[in-house]
């Protein structure tokens, strides 16, 4: 998806729409003051998805996210 060597987004593929030279997110060195927008290295706005399963039945949960 993204080039891990990208200096702008630090390989995340996403930057802050308010600070276009800062990676977007909630981690160290990332900005979350505005919405995220795709970096130039991620022109199609691709997202790396992880499997997410939801249930309203807590007894059915196999693994809790932390």
C-alpha atoms as a PDB file:
ATOM      1  CA  UNK A   1       0.000   0.000   0.000  1.00  0.00           C
ATOM      2  CA  UNK A   2       2.431   2.697   1.122  1.00  0.00           C
ATOM      3  CA  UNK A   3       6.134   3.201   0.820  1.00  0.00           C
ATOM      4  CA  UNK A   4       7.585   2.627   4.302  1.00  0.00           C
ATOM      5  CA  UNK A   5      10.333   5.128   3.448  1.00  0.00           C
ATOM      6  CA  UNK A   6       7.857   8.032   3.024  1.00  0.00           C
ATOM      7  CA  UNK A   7       9.155  10.899   5.142  1.00  0.00           C
ATOM      8  CA  UNK A   8       5.816  12.737   5.195  1.00  0.00           C
ATOM      9  CA  UNK A   9       3.515  10.066   6.602  1.00  0.00           C
ATOM     10  CA  UNK A  10       6.210   7.794   8.096  1.00  0.00           C
ATOM     11  CA  UNK A  11       4.769   4.884   6.105  1.00  0.00           C
ATOM     12  CA  UNK A  12       1.187   5.133   7.407  1.00  0.00           C
ATOM     13  CA  UNK A  13      -0.276   6.449   4.137  1.00  0.00           C
ATOM     14  CA  UNK A  14      -2.218   9.161   6.004  1.00  0.00           C
ATOM     15  CA  UNK A  15      -1.487  12.762   7.011  1.00  0.00           C
ATOM     16  CA  UNK A  16      -3.357  15.399   9.056  1.00  0.00           C
ATOM     17  CA  UNK A  17      -5.498  17.596   6.814  1.00  0.00           C
ATOM     18  CA  UNK A  18      -4.523  20.623   8.928  1.00  0.00           C
ATOM     19  CA  UNK A  19      -0.801  19.826   9.086  1.00  0.00           C
ATOM     20  CA  UNK A  20       0.013  18.255   5.730  1.00  0.00           C
ATOM     21  CA  UNK A  21       3.595  17.464   6.775  1.00  0.00           C
ATOM     22  CA  UNK A  22       2.552  15.409   9.834  1.00  0.00           C
ATOM     23  CA  UNK A  23       1.373  11.777   9.963  1.00  0.00           C
ATOM     24  CA  UNK A  24      -2.260  11.394  11.070  1.00  0.00           C
ATOM     25  CA  UNK A  25      -3.202   9.158  13.969  1.00  0.00           C
ATOM     26  CA  UNK A  26      -2.991   8.870  17.726  1.00  0.00           C
ATOM     27  CA  UNK A  27       0.529   7.519  18.136  1.00  0.00           C
ATOM     28  CA  UNK A  28       3.772   9.282  19.010  1.00  0.00           C
ATOM     29  CA  UNK A  29       4.575  12.018  16.489  1.00  0.00           C
ATOM     30  CA  UNK A  30       1.153  11.726  14.856  1.00  0.00           C
ATOM     31  CA  UNK A  31      -1.479  14.476  14.758  1.00  0.00           C
ATOM     32  CA  UNK A  32      -5.199  14.007  15.335  1.00  0.00           C
ATOM     33  CA  UNK A  33      -6.331  17.654  15.437  1.00  0.00           C
ATOM     34  CA  UNK A  34      -8.262  17.275  12.187  1.00  0.00           C
ATOM     35  CA  UNK A  35      -9.421  14.618   9.821  1.00  0.00           C
ATOM     36  CA  UNK A  36      -6.919  12.413   8.086  1.00  0.00           C
ATOM     37  CA  UNK A  37      -6.305  12.619   4.384  1.00  0.00           C
ATOM     38  CA  UNK A  38      -4.298  10.332   2.192  1.00  0.00           C
ATOM     39  CA  UNK A  39      -0.630  11.097   1.648  1.00  0.00           C
ATOM     40  CA  UNK A  40       0.870  11.533  -1.816  1.00  0.00           C
ATOM     41  CA  UNK A  41       2.384   8.039  -1.434  1.00  0.00           C
ATOM     42  CA  UNK A  42      -1.177   6.661  -1.005  1.00  0.00           C
ATOM     43  CA  UNK A  43      -3.057   8.393  -3.865  1.00  0.00           C
ATOM     44  CA  UNK A  44      -6.001   5.990  -3.877  1.00  0.00           C
ATOM     45  CA  UNK A  45      -6.555   6.246  -0.110  1.00  0.00           C
ATOM     46  CA  UNK A  46      -6.104   2.530   0.482  1.00  0.00           C
ATOM     47  CA  UNK A  47      -6.543   1.251   4.029  1.00  0.00           C
ATOM     48  CA  UNK A  48      -4.914  -1.799   5.567  1.00  0.00           C
ATOM     49  CA  UNK A  49      -7.837  -3.511   7.275  1.00  0.00           C
ATOM     50  CA  UNK A  50      -7.612  -5.911  10.152  1.00  0.00           C
ATOM     51  CA  UNK A  51     -10.401  -8.348  10.801  1.00  0.00           C
ATOM     52  CA  UNK A  52     -12.915  -6.789  13.174  1.00  0.00           C
ATOM     53  CA  UNK A  53     -15.795  -8.728  14.602  1.00  0.00           C
ATOM     54  CA  UNK A  54     -18.491  -7.265  16.813  1.00  0.00           C
ATOM     55  CA  UNK A  55     -21.093  -8.916  18.981  1.00  0.00           C
ATOM     56  CA  UNK A  56     -23.686  -7.830  21.487  1.00  0.00           C
ATOM     57  CA  UNK A  57     -23.179 -11.088  23.355  1.00  0.00           C
ATOM     58  CA  UNK A  58     -20.084 -10.713  25.620  1.00  0.00           C
ATOM     59  CA  UNK A  59     -19.941 -14.459  26.275  1.00  0.00           C
ATOM     60  CA  UNK A  60     -19.264 -14.998  22.565  1.00  0.00           C
ATOM     61  CA  UNK A  61     -16.087 -12.858  22.607  1.00  0.00           C
ATOM     62  CA  UNK A  62     -13.036 -15.014  21.930  1.00  0.00           C
ATOM     63  CA  UNK A  63     -10.442 -12.257  22.364  1.00  0.00           C
ATOM     64  CA  UNK A  64     -10.807  -8.810  23.867  1.00  0.00           C
ATOM     65  CA  UNK A  65      -8.956  -5.903  22.256  1.00  0.00           C
ATOM     66  CA  UNK A  66      -6.908  -3.743  24.598  1.00  0.00           C
END
